[in-house]
Structures are given as structure tokens and as C-alpha cells.
């Protein structure tokens, strides 16, 4: 690149595009240290850490798929009814326990399908209802056998 002539005694202007020559004896710059993007949890080394939710925005359901149906709130009413009616079968000769077994089976299917709470209550309702029905059947069988053995026994006169 050529410059126009200058008056005598003035140096030509410096080329702004000329490469800069750094001294060779300076130490090299350290590598840049960037902070981690998310705080690392303690106690889980080596596992990826999900980013925290933004404050002020409650996370409802899956944050990555907002159109997925969410879990219904609360406990399944049929599961509660199954447990209550199965326990009521102890007081009322086992008849409500049949309803408790049916309600428990329906509630177990609903809680698995919807993800609602109450699966354990439904299982307890079915188990208690089955035990009550089994005890009633055993009691009736015992009474029948006892009645049959007393009527067929020879009497001594």
C-alpha cells in the first residue's frame, strides 16, 4: 500500500490493518474458566442434573409435553369407598364387603389408567373384603357341619 507524500519531518501514519507483534517472553493467557450453567447437586456424581424451574411458574405435569393429560388431583373416591364398605362388612354380616371388592377392582383399574392416588386403598379394600367374605363362608360352613353332626348323633335314652 502506498501513502501520499508527506511533508518533510512527519512520519507516515501507521497502518491500522497491520498485524500486531506481541512480545515472545510474556506468559500465555490462561484458558477461560466459565461457570457451570446449573448448580451441581451433591450426592449424585456423574448424573445429569435437570435445570431448575423458573421461580413464579409452577410446574404442572410434564414441562416438556404440556399437552399430556395431567394426574387428577386428590384420592380416588371409589378406592375410599371400597375400603369403607369392606370394613363395614365386619359389622353387617359381610354383605357390604361384596360391594367393597367390586369397588376396589374398579378403583384399581381407574388409578392405573389415570395415575390418580388411591391404588393402595383399593388393594386394601379388595383384600379386607375378601378376608371378610372368606370368614363368613367358613363360619356358615362350620355352623352347617355342627348342626348336621348334632342332629345325626344317636341319642341315649
C-alpha atoms as a PDB file:
ATOM      1  CA  UNK A   1       0.000   0.000   0.000  1.00  0.00           C
ATOM      2  CA  UNK A   2       1.361   3.354  -0.883  1.00  0.00           C
ATOM      3  CA  UNK A   3       0.742   6.547   1.002  1.00  0.00           C
ATOM      4  CA  UNK A   4       0.597  10.039  -0.387  1.00  0.00           C
ATOM      5  CA  UNK A   5       3.718  12.120   0.103  1.00  0.00           C
ATOM      6  CA  UNK A   6       4.144  13.794   3.485  1.00  0.00           C
ATOM      7  CA  UNK A   7       5.778  16.979   4.373  1.00  0.00           C
ATOM      8  CA  UNK A   8       9.343  16.665   5.459  1.00  0.00           C
ATOM      9  CA  UNK A   9       9.866  15.564   9.045  1.00  0.00           C
ATOM     10  CA  UNK A  10       6.492  13.930   9.674  1.00  0.00           C
ATOM     11  CA  UNK A  11       6.338  10.160   9.814  1.00  0.00           C
ATOM     12  CA  UNK A  12       3.771   8.381   7.665  1.00  0.00           C
ATOM     13  CA  UNK A  13       0.600   7.293   9.536  1.00  0.00           C
ATOM     14  CA  UNK A  14       0.539   3.764  10.966  1.00  0.00           C
ATOM     15  CA  UNK A  15      -1.312   1.087   9.026  1.00  0.00           C
ATOM     16  CA  UNK A  16      -4.443   0.236  11.064  1.00  0.00           C
ATOM     17  CA  UNK A  17      -4.616  -3.223   9.457  1.00  0.00           C
ATOM     18  CA  UNK A  18      -1.023  -4.238  10.119  1.00  0.00           C
ATOM     19  CA  UNK A  19      -0.592  -7.340  12.342  1.00  0.00           C
ATOM     20  CA  UNK A  20       0.410  -6.664  15.923  1.00  0.00           C
ATOM     21  CA  UNK A  21       3.595  -8.352  17.047  1.00  0.00           C
ATOM     22  CA  UNK A  22       3.331  -9.393  20.688  1.00  0.00           C
ATOM     23  CA  UNK A  23       6.474  -9.970  22.681  1.00  0.00           C
ATOM     24  CA  UNK A  24       7.530 -13.612  22.885  1.00  0.00           C
ATOM     25  CA  UNK A  25       8.660 -13.510  26.523  1.00  0.00           C
ATOM     26  CA  UNK A  26       5.184 -12.815  28.035  1.00  0.00           C
ATOM     27  CA  UNK A  27       3.440 -15.842  29.610  1.00  0.00           C
ATOM     28  CA  UNK A  28       0.488 -17.232  27.675  1.00  0.00           C
ATOM     29  CA  UNK A  29      -3.021 -16.354  28.752  1.00  0.00           C
ATOM     30  CA  UNK A  30      -4.751 -18.963  30.944  1.00  0.00           C
ATOM     31  CA  UNK A  31      -7.682 -20.829  29.404  1.00  0.00           C
ATOM     32  CA  UNK A  32     -11.042 -19.181  30.072  1.00  0.00           C
ATOM     33  CA  UNK A  33     -12.963 -20.575  33.023  1.00  0.00           C
ATOM     34  CA  UNK A  34     -16.702 -20.426  32.617  1.00  0.00           C
ATOM     35  CA  UNK A  35     -19.073 -21.233  35.483  1.00  0.00           C
ATOM     36  CA  UNK A  36     -21.239 -24.319  35.193  1.00  0.00           C
ATOM     37  CA  UNK A  37     -24.634 -23.500  33.705  1.00  0.00           C
ATOM     38  CA  UNK A  38     -26.576 -25.218  36.527  1.00  0.00           C
ATOM     39  CA  UNK A  39     -25.683 -25.864  40.144  1.00  0.00           C
ATOM     40  CA  UNK A  40     -24.437 -29.395  40.556  1.00  0.00           C
ATOM     41  CA  UNK A  41     -26.323 -31.495  43.112  1.00  0.00           C
ATOM     42  CA  UNK A  42     -24.469 -33.084  45.954  1.00  0.00           C
ATOM     43  CA  UNK A  43     -24.562 -36.838  46.257  1.00  0.00           C
ATOM     44  CA  UNK A  44     -25.237 -37.663  42.570  1.00  0.00           C
ATOM     45  CA  UNK A  45     -21.869 -37.528  40.840  1.00  0.00           C
ATOM     46  CA  UNK A  46     -21.927 -38.325  37.150  1.00  0.00           C
ATOM     47  CA  UNK A  47     -25.681 -37.995  36.672  1.00  0.00           C
ATOM     48  CA  UNK A  48     -27.142 -35.191  34.581  1.00  0.00           C
ATOM     49  CA  UNK A  49     -28.957 -32.549  36.538  1.00  0.00           C
ATOM     50  CA  UNK A  50     -32.186 -31.083  35.134  1.00  0.00           C
ATOM     51  CA  UNK A  51     -32.432 -27.318  35.043  1.00  0.00           C
ATOM     52  CA  UNK A  52     -34.414 -25.782  37.874  1.00  0.00           C
ATOM     53  CA  UNK A  53     -37.906 -24.459  37.208  1.00  0.00           C
ATOM     54  CA  UNK A  54     -38.258 -20.730  36.849  1.00  0.00           C
ATOM     55  CA  UNK A  55     -39.421 -19.110  40.075  1.00  0.00           C
ATOM     56  CA  UNK A  56     -43.000 -17.980  39.935  1.00  0.00           C
ATOM     57  CA  UNK A  57     -44.075 -20.553  37.364  1.00  0.00           C
ATOM     58  CA  UNK A  58     -45.441 -23.755  38.931  1.00  0.00           C
ATOM     59  CA  UNK A  59     -44.527 -26.906  37.059  1.00  0.00           C
ATOM     60  CA  UNK A  60     -47.760 -28.749  36.324  1.00  0.00           C
ATOM     61  CA  UNK A  61     -47.363 -32.168  34.795  1.00  0.00           C
ATOM     62  CA  UNK A  62     -44.546 -32.681  32.334  1.00  0.00           C
ATOM     63  CA  UNK A  63     -42.764 -29.405  31.444  1.00  0.00           C
ATOM     64  CA  UNK A  64     -41.609 -30.856  28.128  1.00  0.00           C
ATOM     65  CA  UNK A  65     -45.064 -32.005  26.994  1.00  0.00           C
ATOM     66  CA  UNK A  66     -47.700 -29.534  28.201  1.00  0.00           C
ATOM     67  CA  UNK A  67     -50.489 -31.267  26.242  1.00  0.00           C
ATOM     68  CA  UNK A  68     -50.174 -34.598  28.053  1.00  0.00           C
ATOM     69  CA  UNK A  69     -53.145 -35.198  30.370  1.00  0.00           C
ATOM     70  CA  UNK A  70     -52.277 -34.457  33.970  1.00  0.00           C
ATOM     71  CA  UNK A  71     -52.907 -36.599  37.021  1.00  0.00           C
ATOM     72  CA  UNK A  72     -56.298 -35.774  38.571  1.00  0.00           C
ATOM     73  CA  UNK A  73     -55.980 -34.141  41.992  1.00  0.00           C
ATOM     74  CA  UNK A  74     -56.868 -35.936  45.193  1.00  0.00           C
ATOM     75  CA  UNK A  75     -57.545 -39.561  46.044  1.00  0.00           C
ATOM     76  CA  UNK A  76     -59.873 -41.758  44.035  1.00  0.00           C
ATOM     77  CA  UNK A  77     -63.305 -41.788  45.662  1.00  0.00           C
ATOM     78  CA  UNK A  78     -64.052 -45.351  44.649  1.00  0.00           C
ATOM     79  CA  UNK A  79     -60.881 -46.505  46.433  1.00  0.00           C
ATOM     80  CA  UNK A  80     -62.003 -44.805  49.640  1.00  0.00           C
ATOM     81  CA  UNK A  81     -65.485 -46.288  49.248  1.00  0.00           C
ATOM     82  CA  UNK A  82     -64.002 -49.758  48.689  1.00  0.00           C
ATOM     83  CA  UNK A  83     -62.082 -49.600  51.949  1.00  0.00           C
ATOM     84  CA  UNK A  84     -65.040 -48.224  53.908  1.00  0.00           C
ATOM     85  CA  UNK A  85     -67.553 -50.757  52.591  1.00  0.00           C
ATOM     86  CA  UNK A  86     -65.135 -53.640  53.126  1.00  0.00           C
ATOM     87  CA  UNK A  87     -64.691 -52.615  56.752  1.00  0.00           C
ATOM     88  CA  UNK A  88     -68.453 -52.134  57.108  1.00  0.00           C
ATOM     89  CA  UNK A  89     -68.817 -55.779  56.113  1.00  0.00           C
ATOM     90  CA  UNK A  90     -67.435 -56.703  59.542  1.00  0.00           C
ATOM     91  CA  UNK A  91     -70.454 -55.044  61.169  1.00  0.00           C
ATOM     92  CA  UNK A  92     -73.186 -56.050  58.715  1.00  0.00           C
ATOM     93  CA  UNK A  93     -72.600 -59.765  58.155  1.00  0.00           C
ATOM     94  CA  UNK A  94     -70.331 -59.401  55.113  1.00  0.00           C
ATOM     95  CA  UNK A  95     -72.847 -58.017  52.615  1.00  0.00           C
ATOM     96  CA  UNK A  96     -71.111 -54.638  52.125  1.00  0.00           C
ATOM     97  CA  UNK A  97     -67.819 -56.482  51.600  1.00  0.00           C
ATOM     98  CA  UNK A  98     -69.071 -57.742  48.240  1.00  0.00           C
ATOM     99  CA  UNK A  99     -69.587 -54.139  47.156  1.00  0.00           C
ATOM    100  CA  UNK A 100     -66.147 -53.302  48.599  1.00  0.00           C
ATOM    101  CA  UNK A 101     -64.494 -55.952  46.428  1.00  0.00           C
ATOM    102  CA  UNK A 102     -66.244 -54.700  43.284  1.00  0.00           C
ATOM    103  CA  UNK A 103     -65.474 -51.041  44.063  1.00  0.00           C
ATOM    104  CA  UNK A 104     -61.845 -51.940  44.828  1.00  0.00           C
ATOM    105  CA  UNK A 105     -61.341 -53.687  41.493  1.00  0.00           C
ATOM    106  CA  UNK A 106     -62.887 -50.761  39.613  1.00  0.00           C
ATOM    107  CA  UNK A 107     -60.787 -48.277  41.613  1.00  0.00           C
ATOM    108  CA  UNK A 108     -57.558 -50.201  40.923  1.00  0.00           C
ATOM    109  CA  UNK A 109     -58.222 -50.032  37.185  1.00  0.00           C
ATOM    110  CA  UNK A 110     -59.050 -46.316  37.347  1.00  0.00           C
ATOM    111  CA  UNK A 111     -55.979 -45.386  39.366  1.00  0.00           C
ATOM    112  CA  UNK A 112     -53.709 -47.288  36.990  1.00  0.00           C
ATOM    113  CA  UNK A 113     -55.309 -45.644  33.968  1.00  0.00           C
ATOM    114  CA  UNK A 114     -55.387 -42.050  35.269  1.00  0.00           C
ATOM    115  CA  UNK A 115     -52.430 -42.086  37.678  1.00  0.00           C
ATOM    116  CA  UNK A 116     -54.607 -40.781  40.499  1.00  0.00           C
ATOM    117  CA  UNK A 117     -53.767 -41.545  44.125  1.00  0.00           C
ATOM    118  CA  UNK A 118     -55.570 -44.331  45.977  1.00  0.00           C
ATOM    119  CA  UNK A 119     -54.238 -47.562  44.485  1.00  0.00           C
ATOM    120  CA  UNK A 120     -53.177 -48.810  47.916  1.00  0.00           C
ATOM    121  CA  UNK A 121     -56.583 -48.033  49.392  1.00  0.00           C
ATOM    122  CA  UNK A 122     -58.237 -50.009  46.596  1.00  0.00           C
ATOM    123  CA  UNK A 123     -55.958 -53.007  47.181  1.00  0.00           C
ATOM    124  CA  UNK A 124     -56.676 -52.838  50.915  1.00  0.00           C
ATOM    125  CA  UNK A 125     -60.418 -52.704  50.205  1.00  0.00           C
ATOM    126  CA  UNK A 126     -60.252 -55.783  47.991  1.00  0.00           C
ATOM    127  CA  UNK A 127     -58.079 -57.688  50.482  1.00  0.00           C
ATOM    128  CA  UNK A 128     -60.198 -56.864  53.531  1.00  0.00           C
ATOM    129  CA  UNK A 129     -63.417 -57.589  51.637  1.00  0.00           C
ATOM    130  CA  UNK A 130     -62.092 -60.966  50.503  1.00  0.00           C
ATOM    131  CA  UNK A 131     -60.983 -61.888  54.021  1.00  0.00           C
ATOM    132  CA  UNK A 132     -64.368 -60.893  55.478  1.00  0.00           C
ATOM    133  CA  UNK A 133     -66.255 -62.906  52.829  1.00  0.00           C
ATOM    134  CA  UNK A 134     -63.950 -65.908  53.431  1.00  0.00           C
ATOM    135  CA  UNK A 135     -64.521 -65.707  57.188  1.00  0.00           C
ATOM    136  CA  UNK A 136     -68.304 -65.513  56.726  1.00  0.00           C
ATOM    137  CA  UNK A 137     -68.262 -68.538  54.393  1.00  0.00           C
ATOM    138  CA  UNK A 138     -66.117 -70.510  56.858  1.00  0.00           C
ATOM    139  CA  UNK A 139     -68.439 -69.552  59.707  1.00  0.00           C
ATOM    140  CA  UNK A 140     -71.524 -70.678  57.767  1.00  0.00           C
ATOM    141  CA  UNK A 141     -69.798 -73.949  56.812  1.00  0.00           C
ATOM    142  CA  UNK A 142     -68.826 -74.554  60.452  1.00  0.00           C
ATOM    143  CA  UNK A 143     -72.391 -73.913  61.642  1.00  0.00           C
ATOM    144  CA  UNK A 144     -73.825 -76.278  58.996  1.00  0.00           C
ATOM    145  CA  UNK A 145     -71.368 -79.038  59.897  1.00  0.00           C
ATOM    146  CA  UNK A 146     -72.020 -78.541  63.596  1.00  0.00           C
ATOM    147  CA  UNK A 147     -75.802 -78.607  63.079  1.00  0.00           C
ATOM    148  CA  UNK A 148     -75.565 -81.735  60.919  1.00  0.00           C
ATOM    149  CA  UNK A 149     -73.440 -83.553  63.458  1.00  0.00           C
ATOM    150  CA  UNK A 150     -75.770 -82.800  66.371  1.00  0.00           C
ATOM    151  CA  UNK A 151     -78.953 -83.914  64.549  1.00  0.00           C
ATOM    152  CA  UNK A 152     -77.433 -87.208  63.329  1.00  0.00           C
ATOM    153  CA  UNK A 153     -75.917 -88.226  66.618  1.00  0.00           C
ATOM    154  CA  UNK A 154     -77.579 -91.163  68.336  1.00  0.00           C
ATOM    155  CA  UNK A 155     -79.366 -90.237  71.487  1.00  0.00           C
ATOM    156  CA  UNK A 156     -79.013 -92.373  74.592  1.00  0.00           C
ATOM    157  CA  UNK A 157     -82.267 -92.881  76.486  1.00  0.00           C
END
